Amino acid sequence: CADNAPFMVNRGLSMGFSAVAVSGSHGLAGDENCGQCYELKFVDQIHTKGGNWGGSHPDLVGKSMVVQVTNIGYDVNGEHSFDIQIPGAGQGIFTSGCTAQFSGFSSGDFDCDNNYGGCFEKSGCARLPQELQKPCEWRYDWYRWFAEGGQTNNPYVHFRRVQCPRELTEISGSVPSDDEAYPKVDVDSYAQPGSGEPSPSPATTVA
């Protein structure tokens, strides 16, 4: 679904949709999280193996993303919790869905012939259908994927559950029945990165 692509709200906040892992030590369970929304706050932490690999690019640290869970990831485990849906970021094992929706494109056009990781450069977004190119570019412009020697790549986040904002529910048509029990997202408070600090929670990573 092209309308499930990520988008920037302001300098410090983006929104989108995500799958969650069903196995791991992060407190998420999979099916029961579907429809719920989470704030992901990107933190200054890199992976300990392989030198300057992974974690958040310095330009991403302190920014947040609010995602609505619309899928689960049976093939994701360990510390990985959120798998953000990003055009051009790799189709994984499901390589026939995009070509079925968009005729005239090969499977490789949707992830630059790299099923796991997707396009390594922003220029690769030009291979995607027109409606997917801008959200593909979001990955490089706002998310700062793989910039400066390997960051951002599977960044660590602190996360908390929040009320689903209308920007997401108007797309998904889904509002959790217990949504009122969770804090609202004050979009304007994120205009400056570093605001909107979530309550402490287990550090985990997003893909």
N, C-alpha and C. Protein backbone atom coordinates (compact mmCIF):
# COMPACT_ATOMS: atom_id res chain seq x y z
N CYS A 1 0.85 -1.19 0.00
CA CYS A 1 0.00 0.00 0.00
C CYS A 1 0.88 1.24 0.00
N ALA A 2 0.78 2.04 -1.04
CA ALA A 2 1.62 3.23 -1.14
C ALA A 2 1.35 4.23 -0.04
N ASP A 3 0.14 4.26 0.51
CA ASP A 3 -0.17 5.24 1.55
C ASP A 3 0.35 4.84 2.93
N ASN A 4 0.99 3.68 3.02
CA ASN A 4 1.60 3.27 4.29
C ASN A 4 3.07 3.67 4.37
N ALA A 5 3.52 4.49 3.45
CA ALA A 5 4.91 4.93 3.42
C ALA A 5 5.16 5.98 4.49
N PRO A 6 6.39 6.12 4.98
CA PRO A 6 6.71 7.13 6.00
C PRO A 6 6.69 8.54 5.44
N PHE A 7 6.45 9.51 6.33
CA PHE A 7 6.45 10.91 5.91
C PHE A 7 6.91 11.80 7.05
N MET A 8 7.55 12.90 6.69
CA MET A 8 8.01 13.86 7.67
C MET A 8 6.87 14.78 8.06
N VAL A 9 6.71 14.98 9.38
CA VAL A 9 5.71 15.92 9.89
C VAL A 9 6.35 17.29 10.12
N ASN A 10 7.49 17.28 10.80
CA ASN A 10 8.31 18.47 10.96
C ASN A 10 9.75 18.02 11.19
N ARG A 11 10.62 18.94 11.47
CA ARG A 11 12.06 18.63 11.56
C ARG A 11 12.37 17.52 12.57
N GLY A 12 11.60 17.47 13.64
CA GLY A 12 11.90 16.49 14.68
C GLY A 12 10.99 15.29 14.73
N LEU A 13 10.03 15.19 13.81
CA LEU A 13 9.03 14.12 13.88
C LEU A 13 8.65 13.60 12.50
N SER A 14 8.62 12.29 12.38
CA SER A 14 8.06 11.62 11.21
C SER A 14 7.01 10.63 11.68
N MET A 15 6.21 10.16 10.74
CA MET A 15 5.20 9.15 11.04
C MET A 15 5.21 8.09 9.97
N GLY A 16 4.65 6.93 10.30
CA GLY A 16 4.58 5.86 9.33
C GLY A 16 3.97 4.61 9.94
N PHE A 17 4.24 3.49 9.32
CA PHE A 17 3.67 2.22 9.74
C PHE A 17 4.78 1.19 9.89
N SER A 18 4.52 0.19 10.73
CA SER A 18 5.59 -0.73 11.09
C SER A 18 5.06 -2.11 11.41
N ALA A 19 5.90 -3.09 11.20
CA ALA A 19 5.69 -4.42 11.76
C ALA A 19 6.46 -4.49 13.07
N VAL A 20 6.06 -5.41 13.95
CA VAL A 20 6.81 -5.62 15.19
C VAL A 20 7.23 -7.08 15.27
N ALA A 21 8.35 -7.30 15.92
CA ALA A 21 8.85 -8.66 16.10
C ALA A 21 7.98 -9.40 17.11
N VAL A 22 7.92 -10.72 16.95
CA VAL A 22 7.12 -11.52 17.87
C VAL A 22 7.97 -12.33 18.83
N SER A 23 9.28 -12.24 18.68
CA SER A 23 10.16 -12.95 19.60
C SER A 23 11.32 -12.03 19.95
N GLY A 24 11.70 -12.02 21.21
CA GLY A 24 12.76 -11.11 21.66
C GLY A 24 12.45 -10.61 23.05
N SER A 25 13.38 -9.87 23.61
CA SER A 25 13.27 -9.44 25.01
C SER A 25 12.85 -7.99 25.13
N HIS A 26 11.95 -7.55 24.26
CA HIS A 26 11.63 -6.13 24.17
C HIS A 26 10.25 -5.79 24.68
N GLY A 27 9.44 -6.78 25.07
CA GLY A 27 8.13 -6.49 25.64
C GLY A 27 7.00 -6.39 24.65
N LEU A 28 7.25 -6.62 23.36
CA LEU A 28 6.19 -6.62 22.36
C LEU A 28 5.84 -8.06 22.02
N ALA A 29 4.57 -8.28 21.67
CA ALA A 29 4.11 -9.65 21.51
C ALA A 29 3.67 -10.00 20.10
N GLY A 30 3.50 -9.03 19.23
CA GLY A 30 3.10 -9.35 17.87
C GLY A 30 1.64 -9.06 17.61
N ASP A 31 0.83 -10.10 17.49
CA ASP A 31 -0.57 -9.94 17.12
C ASP A 31 -1.31 -8.95 18.01
N GLU A 32 -1.10 -9.03 19.31
CA GLU A 32 -1.86 -8.17 20.22
C GLU A 32 -1.46 -6.70 20.12
N ASN A 33 -0.35 -6.41 19.46
CA ASN A 33 0.09 -5.03 19.27
C ASN A 33 -0.48 -4.40 18.00
N CYS A 34 -1.14 -5.20 17.15
CA CYS A 34 -1.63 -4.67 15.88
C CYS A 34 -2.64 -3.54 16.12
N GLY A 35 -2.45 -2.44 15.39
CA GLY A 35 -3.31 -1.28 15.53
C GLY A 35 -2.83 -0.27 16.54
N GLN A 36 -1.92 -0.67 17.42
CA GLN A 36 -1.39 0.24 18.44
C GLN A 36 -0.35 1.17 17.84
N CYS A 37 -0.15 2.32 18.48
CA CYS A 37 0.84 3.28 18.02
C CYS A 37 1.94 3.47 19.05
N TYR A 38 3.14 3.68 18.57
CA TYR A 38 4.31 3.84 19.43
C TYR A 38 5.15 5.02 18.97
N GLU A 39 5.68 5.73 19.95
CA GLU A 39 6.68 6.75 19.65
C GLU A 39 8.05 6.10 19.78
N LEU A 40 8.86 6.22 18.73
CA LEU A 40 10.22 5.73 18.73
C LEU A 40 11.14 6.94 18.81
N LYS A 41 11.93 7.02 19.87
CA LYS A 41 12.89 8.12 20.00
C LYS A 41 14.28 7.58 19.74
N PHE A 42 14.94 8.14 18.73
CA PHE A 42 16.24 7.64 18.31
C PHE A 42 17.32 8.11 19.27
N VAL A 43 18.14 7.17 19.74
CA VAL A 43 19.13 7.46 20.77
C VAL A 43 20.54 7.28 20.23
N ASP A 44 21.50 7.84 20.95
CA ASP A 44 22.91 7.85 20.54
C ASP A 44 23.59 6.58 21.02
N GLN A 45 23.40 5.52 20.27
CA GLN A 45 23.98 4.22 20.61
C GLN A 45 24.27 3.48 19.33
N ILE A 46 25.46 2.87 19.22
CA ILE A 46 25.80 2.11 18.02
C ILE A 46 26.02 0.66 18.40
N HIS A 47 26.04 -0.19 17.40
CA HIS A 47 26.26 -1.61 17.64
C HIS A 47 27.72 -1.84 18.02
N THR A 48 27.95 -2.78 18.91
CA THR A 48 29.29 -2.98 19.47
C THR A 48 30.21 -3.76 18.54
N LYS A 49 29.66 -4.46 17.57
CA LYS A 49 30.49 -5.26 16.67
C LYS A 49 30.65 -4.54 15.33
N GLY A 50 31.85 -4.60 14.77
CA GLY A 50 32.07 -4.08 13.43
C GLY A 50 32.41 -2.61 13.37
N GLY A 51 32.84 -2.01 14.47
CA GLY A 51 33.26 -0.61 14.44
C GLY A 51 32.08 0.34 14.32
N ASN A 52 32.22 1.35 13.45
CA ASN A 52 31.20 2.37 13.30
C ASN A 52 30.05 1.86 12.43
N TRP A 53 29.30 0.93 12.98
CA TRP A 53 28.21 0.32 12.23
C TRP A 53 26.92 0.46 13.00
N GLY A 54 25.88 0.84 12.28
CA GLY A 54 24.56 0.86 12.88
C GLY A 54 24.35 2.00 13.85
N GLY A 55 23.22 1.93 14.53
CA GLY A 55 22.84 3.01 15.41
C GLY A 55 22.29 4.18 14.61
N SER A 56 22.13 5.31 15.30
CA SER A 56 21.56 6.51 14.67
C SER A 56 22.66 7.45 14.20
N HIS A 57 22.47 8.01 13.01
CA HIS A 57 23.34 9.08 12.56
C HIS A 57 23.15 10.26 13.53
N PRO A 58 24.20 11.06 13.78
CA PRO A 58 24.07 12.20 14.71
C PRO A 58 22.91 13.13 14.37
N ASP A 59 22.57 13.27 13.09
CA ASP A 59 21.45 14.13 12.71
C ASP A 59 20.11 13.55 13.09
N LEU A 60 20.06 12.24 13.36
CA LEU A 60 18.81 11.58 13.72
C LEU A 60 18.61 11.50 15.23
N VAL A 61 19.69 11.52 15.99
CA VAL A 61 19.61 11.39 17.44
C VAL A 61 18.73 12.50 18.02
N GLY A 62 17.80 12.10 18.88
CA GLY A 62 16.89 13.05 19.52
C GLY A 62 15.60 13.26 18.77
N LYS A 63 15.53 12.82 17.52
CA LYS A 63 14.29 12.92 16.75
C LYS A 63 13.39 11.73 17.08
N SER A 64 12.12 11.84 16.71
CA SER A 64 11.16 10.79 17.01
C SER A 64 10.36 10.41 15.78
N MET A 65 9.82 9.21 15.83
CA MET A 65 8.90 8.75 14.80
C MET A 65 7.74 8.06 15.49
N VAL A 66 6.53 8.37 15.08
CA VAL A 66 5.34 7.69 15.60
C VAL A 66 4.86 6.72 14.53
N VAL A 67 4.73 5.46 14.92
CA VAL A 67 4.33 4.42 13.98
C VAL A 67 3.08 3.71 14.48
N GLN A 68 2.27 3.26 13.54
CA GLN A 68 1.16 2.38 13.86
C GLN A 68 1.52 0.98 13.40
N VAL A 69 1.30 0.00 14.27
CA VAL A 69 1.65 -1.39 13.97
C VAL A 69 0.56 -2.00 13.10
N THR A 70 0.95 -2.47 11.94
CA THR A 70 0.00 -3.08 11.01
C THR A 70 0.41 -4.47 10.57
N ASN A 71 1.51 -4.99 11.13
CA ASN A 71 1.98 -6.30 10.70
C ASN A 71 2.87 -6.86 11.79
N ILE A 72 3.21 -8.13 11.66
CA ILE A 72 4.14 -8.77 12.59
C ILE A 72 5.30 -9.34 11.79
N GLY A 73 6.39 -9.66 12.50
CA GLY A 73 7.57 -10.18 11.83
C GLY A 73 8.03 -11.48 12.45
N TYR A 74 7.52 -12.59 11.95
CA TYR A 74 7.91 -13.88 12.51
C TYR A 74 9.39 -14.18 12.26
N ASP A 75 9.97 -13.57 11.24
CA ASP A 75 11.37 -13.87 10.90
C ASP A 75 12.34 -12.89 11.55
N VAL A 76 11.85 -12.07 12.50
CA VAL A 76 12.70 -11.11 13.19
C VAL A 76 12.77 -11.50 14.66
N ASN A 77 13.97 -11.53 15.21
CA ASN A 77 14.08 -11.91 16.62
C ASN A 77 15.18 -11.10 17.29
N GLY A 78 15.56 -11.51 18.50
CA GLY A 78 16.59 -10.79 19.24
C GLY A 78 16.07 -9.44 19.69
N GLU A 79 16.90 -8.40 19.54
CA GLU A 79 16.53 -7.08 20.01
C GLU A 79 15.68 -6.29 19.01
N HIS A 80 15.58 -6.76 17.79
CA HIS A 80 14.81 -6.04 16.78
C HIS A 80 13.33 -6.03 17.14
N SER A 81 12.74 -4.87 17.21
CA SER A 81 11.35 -4.78 17.59
C SER A 81 10.48 -4.19 16.49
N PHE A 82 10.93 -3.13 15.85
CA PHE A 82 10.11 -2.42 14.87
C PHE A 82 10.75 -2.51 13.48
N ASP A 83 9.95 -2.86 12.51
CA ASP A 83 10.41 -2.96 11.13
C ASP A 83 9.58 -1.96 10.32
N ILE A 84 10.14 -0.76 10.12
CA ILE A 84 9.42 0.33 9.47
C ILE A 84 9.21 0.02 7.99
N GLN A 85 8.00 0.28 7.51
CA GLN A 85 7.70 0.07 6.10
C GLN A 85 8.22 1.26 5.30
N ILE A 86 9.27 1.03 4.51
CA ILE A 86 9.90 2.09 3.73
C ILE A 86 10.09 1.61 2.29
N PRO A 87 9.52 2.29 1.32
CA PRO A 87 9.76 1.90 -0.07
C PRO A 87 11.25 1.94 -0.41
N GLY A 88 11.69 0.93 -1.13
CA GLY A 88 13.08 0.87 -1.55
C GLY A 88 14.03 0.30 -0.53
N ALA A 89 13.50 -0.14 0.63
CA ALA A 89 14.37 -0.59 1.72
C ALA A 89 14.52 -2.11 1.78
N GLY A 90 14.03 -2.82 0.77
CA GLY A 90 14.17 -4.27 0.74
C GLY A 90 12.85 -4.97 0.92
N GLN A 91 12.56 -5.92 0.04
CA GLN A 91 11.29 -6.65 0.12
C GLN A 91 11.37 -7.89 0.98
N GLY A 92 12.57 -8.30 1.39
CA GLY A 92 12.70 -9.52 2.16
C GLY A 92 12.29 -10.74 1.35
N ILE A 93 11.57 -11.65 2.00
CA ILE A 93 11.20 -12.90 1.33
C ILE A 93 9.96 -12.74 0.45
N PHE A 94 9.25 -11.62 0.59
CA PHE A 94 8.02 -11.42 -0.18
C PHE A 94 8.30 -10.50 -1.37
N THR A 95 8.63 -11.09 -2.49
CA THR A 95 9.11 -10.32 -3.64
C THR A 95 8.09 -10.20 -4.77
N SER A 96 6.87 -10.67 -4.57
CA SER A 96 5.89 -10.64 -5.66
C SER A 96 4.79 -9.61 -5.46
N GLY A 97 4.67 -9.05 -4.26
CA GLY A 97 3.57 -8.14 -3.97
C GLY A 97 3.65 -6.83 -4.73
N CYS A 98 4.84 -6.24 -4.79
CA CYS A 98 4.99 -4.93 -5.44
C CYS A 98 4.74 -5.01 -6.94
N THR A 99 5.26 -6.06 -7.58
CA THR A 99 5.05 -6.19 -9.01
C THR A 99 3.60 -6.47 -9.33
N ALA A 100 2.87 -7.10 -8.41
CA ALA A 100 1.45 -7.34 -8.63
C ALA A 100 0.66 -6.04 -8.57
N GLN A 101 1.10 -5.10 -7.73
CA GLN A 101 0.40 -3.83 -7.58
C GLN A 101 0.79 -2.82 -8.65
N PHE A 102 2.06 -2.85 -9.06
CA PHE A 102 2.55 -1.87 -10.03
C PHE A 102 3.05 -2.60 -11.27
N SER A 103 2.29 -2.52 -12.34
CA SER A 103 2.69 -3.20 -13.57
C SER A 103 3.80 -2.41 -14.27
N GLY A 104 4.58 -3.11 -15.05
CA GLY A 104 5.64 -2.47 -15.82
C GLY A 104 6.95 -2.32 -15.07
N PHE A 105 7.03 -2.86 -13.86
CA PHE A 105 8.26 -2.81 -13.06
C PHE A 105 8.72 -4.22 -12.74
N SER A 106 10.03 -4.40 -12.67
CA SER A 106 10.57 -5.69 -12.24
C SER A 106 10.69 -5.70 -10.73
N SER A 107 10.82 -6.88 -10.15
CA SER A 107 10.97 -6.99 -8.70
C SER A 107 12.17 -6.19 -8.20
N GLY A 108 13.27 -6.25 -8.96
CA GLY A 108 14.49 -5.54 -8.56
C GLY A 108 14.35 -4.04 -8.53
N ASP A 109 13.37 -3.50 -9.26
CA ASP A 109 13.18 -2.05 -9.26
C ASP A 109 12.75 -1.54 -7.88
N PHE A 110 12.14 -2.40 -7.09
CA PHE A 110 11.58 -1.97 -5.81
C PHE A 110 12.60 -1.97 -4.67
N ASP A 111 13.76 -2.55 -4.87
CA ASP A 111 14.79 -2.52 -3.84
C ASP A 111 16.20 -2.54 -4.42
N CYS A 112 16.33 -2.07 -5.66
CA CYS A 112 17.65 -2.02 -6.32
C CYS A 112 18.34 -3.37 -6.32
N ASP A 113 17.54 -4.42 -6.56
CA ASP A 113 18.06 -5.79 -6.64
C ASP A 113 18.72 -6.26 -5.35
N ASN A 114 18.29 -5.71 -4.24
CA ASN A 114 18.85 -6.08 -2.93
C ASN A 114 17.68 -6.30 -1.97
N ASN A 115 17.21 -7.56 -1.89
CA ASN A 115 16.02 -7.87 -1.09
C ASN A 115 16.17 -7.54 0.39
N TYR A 116 17.39 -7.60 0.89
CA TYR A 116 17.62 -7.33 2.31
C TYR A 116 18.52 -6.10 2.45
N GLY A 117 17.91 -4.96 2.66
CA GLY A 117 18.66 -3.72 2.79
C GLY A 117 18.25 -2.68 1.77
N GLY A 118 17.86 -3.13 0.58
CA GLY A 118 17.36 -2.21 -0.42
C GLY A 118 18.43 -1.35 -1.06
N CYS A 119 17.99 -0.22 -1.60
CA CYS A 119 18.89 0.68 -2.33
C CYS A 119 19.93 1.30 -1.39
N PHE A 120 21.18 1.29 -1.80
CA PHE A 120 22.24 1.86 -0.97
C PHE A 120 22.40 3.36 -1.17
N GLU A 121 21.84 3.88 -2.27
CA GLU A 121 21.96 5.30 -2.54
C GLU A 121 20.61 5.89 -2.88
N LYS A 122 20.46 7.18 -2.60
CA LYS A 122 19.21 7.88 -2.85
C LYS A 122 18.83 7.83 -4.32
N SER A 123 19.81 7.83 -5.20
CA SER A 123 19.54 7.81 -6.64
C SER A 123 18.76 6.58 -7.06
N GLY A 124 18.88 5.50 -6.28
CA GLY A 124 18.15 4.28 -6.59
C GLY A 124 16.64 4.44 -6.48
N CYS A 125 16.19 5.45 -5.77
CA CYS A 125 14.75 5.68 -5.62
C CYS A 125 14.08 5.98 -6.95
N ALA A 126 14.85 6.45 -7.91
CA ALA A 126 14.29 6.77 -9.22
C ALA A 126 13.78 5.54 -9.96
N ARG A 127 14.18 4.35 -9.51
CA ARG A 127 13.72 3.12 -10.14
C ARG A 127 12.31 2.75 -9.71
N LEU A 128 11.84 3.32 -8.60
CA LEU A 128 10.53 2.99 -8.05
C LEU A 128 9.42 3.75 -8.79
N PRO A 129 8.17 3.29 -8.67
CA PRO A 129 7.04 4.06 -9.20
C PRO A 129 7.03 5.47 -8.60
N GLN A 130 6.49 6.42 -9.33
CA GLN A 130 6.52 7.82 -8.93
C GLN A 130 6.00 8.05 -7.52
N GLU A 131 4.90 7.40 -7.15
CA GLU A 131 4.30 7.63 -5.85
C GLU A 131 5.11 7.07 -4.69
N LEU A 132 6.11 6.26 -4.98
CA LEU A 132 6.96 5.69 -3.94
C LEU A 132 8.32 6.37 -3.85
N GLN A 133 8.62 7.26 -4.77
CA GLN A 133 9.96 7.85 -4.80
C GLN A 133 10.21 8.81 -3.63
N LYS A 134 9.26 9.67 -3.30
CA LYS A 134 9.46 10.62 -2.21
C LYS A 134 9.65 9.92 -0.87
N PRO A 135 8.80 8.93 -0.51
CA PRO A 135 9.06 8.23 0.75
C PRO A 135 10.34 7.40 0.74
N CYS A 136 10.75 6.94 -0.45
CA CYS A 136 12.06 6.28 -0.54
C CYS A 136 13.16 7.27 -0.21
N GLU A 137 13.05 8.48 -0.72
CA GLU A 137 14.05 9.51 -0.45
C GLU A 137 14.05 9.95 1.01
N TRP A 138 12.91 9.82 1.69
CA TRP A 138 12.82 10.12 3.13
C TRP A 138 13.87 9.34 3.91
N ARG A 139 14.13 8.13 3.47
CA ARG A 139 15.09 7.26 4.14
C ARG A 139 16.48 7.89 4.20
N TYR A 140 16.82 8.68 3.21
CA TYR A 140 18.14 9.30 3.14
C TYR A 140 18.14 10.74 3.68
N ASP A 141 17.06 11.46 3.44
CA ASP A 141 17.01 12.88 3.80
C ASP A 141 16.71 13.11 5.28
N TRP A 142 15.74 12.37 5.84
CA TRP A 142 15.34 12.57 7.25
C TRP A 142 15.94 11.48 8.13
N TYR A 143 15.78 10.24 7.72
CA TYR A 143 16.24 9.09 8.49
C TYR A 143 17.76 8.93 8.45
N ARG A 144 18.38 9.48 7.41
CA ARG A 144 19.84 9.50 7.24
C ARG A 144 20.43 8.09 7.21
N TRP A 145 19.80 7.22 6.43
CA TRP A 145 20.21 5.83 6.38
C TRP A 145 21.59 5.67 5.75
N PHE A 146 22.41 4.92 6.43
CA PHE A 146 23.72 4.49 5.95
C PHE A 146 24.65 5.66 5.62
N ALA A 147 24.43 6.79 6.25
CA ALA A 147 25.28 7.96 6.00
C ALA A 147 26.58 7.86 6.79
N GLU A 148 27.64 8.38 6.24
CA GLU A 148 28.93 8.53 6.93
C GLU A 148 29.42 7.23 7.57
N GLY A 149 29.65 6.24 6.73
CA GLY A 149 30.32 5.04 7.19
C GLY A 149 29.45 4.02 7.91
N GLY A 150 28.15 4.03 7.66
CA GLY A 150 27.31 2.96 8.21
C GLY A 150 26.18 3.42 9.09
N GLN A 151 26.01 4.70 9.32
CA GLN A 151 24.90 5.17 10.13
C GLN A 151 23.98 6.01 9.24
N THR A 152 22.68 5.96 9.39
CA THR A 152 21.87 5.18 10.30
C THR A 152 21.65 3.77 9.74
N ASN A 153 21.69 2.74 10.59
CA ASN A 153 21.39 1.38 10.18
C ASN A 153 20.96 0.62 11.42
N ASN A 154 19.73 0.13 11.41
CA ASN A 154 19.16 -0.52 12.60
C ASN A 154 19.41 0.31 13.86
N PRO A 155 18.90 1.54 13.89
CA PRO A 155 19.17 2.41 15.04
C PRO A 155 18.46 1.94 16.31
N TYR A 156 19.09 2.23 17.43
CA TYR A 156 18.45 1.97 18.72
C TYR A 156 17.43 3.06 19.02
N VAL A 157 16.35 2.67 19.69
CA VAL A 157 15.33 3.63 20.10
C VAL A 157 14.88 3.33 21.52
N HIS A 158 14.33 4.37 22.18
CA HIS A 158 13.48 4.18 23.34
C HIS A 158 12.06 4.34 22.83
N PHE A 159 11.16 3.52 23.32
CA PHE A 159 9.81 3.59 22.79
C PHE A 159 8.77 3.58 23.89
N ARG A 160 7.62 4.15 23.58
CA ARG A 160 6.48 4.14 24.48
C ARG A 160 5.21 4.10 23.63
N ARG A 161 4.16 3.56 24.20
CA ARG A 161 2.89 3.57 23.49
C ARG A 161 2.24 4.95 23.63
N VAL A 162 1.62 5.41 22.56
CA VAL A 162 0.93 6.70 22.54
C VAL A 162 -0.42 6.53 21.84
N GLN A 163 -1.27 7.56 21.99
CA GLN A 163 -2.51 7.57 21.22
C GLN A 163 -2.19 7.66 19.73
N CYS A 164 -2.94 6.96 18.93
CA CYS A 164 -2.70 7.02 17.49
C CYS A 164 -3.15 8.38 16.95
N PRO A 165 -2.25 9.12 16.33
CA PRO A 165 -2.62 10.42 15.77
C PRO A 165 -3.51 10.26 14.54
N ARG A 166 -4.32 11.28 14.28
CA ARG A 166 -5.25 11.21 13.15
C ARG A 166 -4.51 11.08 11.82
N GLU A 167 -3.26 11.60 11.76
CA GLU A 167 -2.49 11.49 10.52
C GLU A 167 -2.31 10.02 10.11
N LEU A 168 -2.31 9.12 11.10
CA LEU A 168 -2.15 7.69 10.81
C LEU A 168 -3.50 6.98 10.73
N THR A 169 -4.42 7.29 11.65
CA THR A 169 -5.70 6.58 11.64
C THR A 169 -6.55 6.92 10.43
N GLU A 170 -6.37 8.11 9.87
CA GLU A 170 -7.11 8.45 8.66
C GLU A 170 -6.63 7.64 7.46
N ILE A 171 -5.42 7.13 7.55
CA ILE A 171 -4.90 6.25 6.50
C ILE A 171 -5.31 4.81 6.76
N SER A 172 -5.12 4.34 7.99
CA SER A 172 -5.36 2.92 8.31
C SER A 172 -6.82 2.61 8.56
N GLY A 173 -7.59 3.60 9.03
CA GLY A 173 -8.98 3.36 9.40
C GLY A 173 -9.12 2.58 10.69
N SER A 174 -8.03 2.47 11.46
CA SER A 174 -8.02 1.66 12.67
C SER A 174 -7.65 2.49 13.89
N VAL A 175 -8.48 2.41 14.94
CA VAL A 175 -8.21 3.09 16.21
C VAL A 175 -8.36 2.06 17.33
N PRO A 176 -7.31 1.83 18.12
CA PRO A 176 -7.42 0.85 19.21
C PRO A 176 -8.53 1.22 20.20
N SER A 177 -9.21 0.22 20.73
CA SER A 177 -10.33 0.47 21.64
C SER A 177 -9.88 1.09 22.96
N ASP A 178 -8.61 0.90 23.33
CA ASP A 178 -8.11 1.45 24.60
C ASP A 178 -7.21 2.67 24.38
N ASP A 179 -7.33 3.30 23.22
CA ASP A 179 -6.41 4.38 22.84
C ASP A 179 -6.43 5.55 23.81
N GLU A 180 -7.59 5.85 24.40
CA GLU A 180 -7.71 7.01 25.28
C GLU A 180 -6.86 6.89 26.53
N ALA A 181 -6.39 5.69 26.85
CA ALA A 181 -5.59 5.49 28.06
C ALA A 181 -4.13 5.92 27.88
N TYR A 182 -3.75 6.33 26.68
CA TYR A 182 -2.36 6.64 26.40
C TYR A 182 -2.18 8.11 26.01
N PRO A 183 -0.98 8.65 26.21
CA PRO A 183 -0.77 10.09 25.98
C PRO A 183 -0.92 10.48 24.51
N LYS A 184 -1.45 11.69 24.30
CA LYS A 184 -1.57 12.23 22.95
C LYS A 184 -0.21 12.70 22.44
N VAL A 185 -0.07 12.74 21.15
CA VAL A 185 1.14 13.24 20.51
C VAL A 185 0.93 14.72 20.20
N ASP A 186 1.72 15.58 20.83
CA ASP A 186 1.68 17.01 20.55
C ASP A 186 2.67 17.30 19.43
N VAL A 187 2.16 17.33 18.22
CA VAL A 187 3.02 17.45 17.03
C VAL A 187 3.93 18.66 17.11
N ASP A 188 3.39 19.80 17.56
CA ASP A 188 4.18 21.03 17.57
C ASP A 188 5.38 20.96 18.51
N SER A 189 5.31 20.12 19.53
CA SER A 189 6.41 20.04 20.49
C SER A 189 7.64 19.37 19.91
N TYR A 190 7.52 18.77 18.74
CA TYR A 190 8.65 18.08 18.12
C TYR A 190 9.36 18.92 17.07
N ALA A 191 8.93 20.15 16.92
CA ALA A 191 9.53 21.00 15.90
C ALA A 191 11.03 21.16 16.11
N GLN A 192 11.46 21.12 17.37
CA GLN A 192 12.88 21.13 17.70
C GLN A 192 13.28 19.75 18.18
N PRO A 193 14.17 19.06 17.47
CA PRO A 193 14.59 17.71 17.88
C PRO A 193 15.09 17.70 19.32
N GLY A 194 14.74 16.62 20.03
CA GLY A 194 15.12 16.49 21.43
C GLY A 194 13.97 16.73 22.36
N SER A 195 12.84 17.26 21.85
CA SER A 195 11.66 17.45 22.67
C SER A 195 10.81 16.20 22.62
N GLY A 196 9.72 16.19 23.38
CA GLY A 196 8.83 15.05 23.37
C GLY A 196 9.45 13.81 23.95
N GLU A 197 10.23 13.96 25.03
CA GLU A 197 10.97 12.84 25.62
C GLU A 197 10.02 11.77 26.12
N PRO A 198 10.12 10.53 25.63
CA PRO A 198 9.26 9.46 26.12
C PRO A 198 9.73 8.92 27.46
N SER A 199 8.84 8.24 28.15
CA SER A 199 9.22 7.59 29.37
C SER A 199 10.24 6.51 29.08
N PRO A 200 11.19 6.28 29.99
CA PRO A 200 12.22 5.25 29.73
C PRO A 200 11.58 3.90 29.45
N SER A 201 12.15 3.18 28.54
CA SER A 201 11.69 1.84 28.20
C SER A 201 12.88 1.09 27.63
N PRO A 202 12.74 -0.22 27.45
CA PRO A 202 13.90 -0.98 26.95
C PRO A 202 14.40 -0.45 25.63
N ALA A 203 15.72 -0.35 25.52
CA ALA A 203 16.32 0.07 24.24
C ALA A 203 16.19 -1.08 23.26
N THR A 204 15.82 -0.77 22.07
CA THR A 204 15.70 -1.79 21.05
C THR A 204 16.11 -1.18 19.73
N THR A 205 15.99 -1.93 18.66
CA THR A 205 16.42 -1.41 17.37
C THR A 205 15.28 -1.44 16.39
N VAL A 206 15.42 -0.61 15.36
CA VAL A 206 14.47 -0.64 14.26
C VAL A 206 15.22 -0.90 12.98
N ALA A 207 14.57 -1.54 12.04
CA ALA A 207 15.20 -1.86 10.76
C ALA A 207 14.74 -0.88 9.71
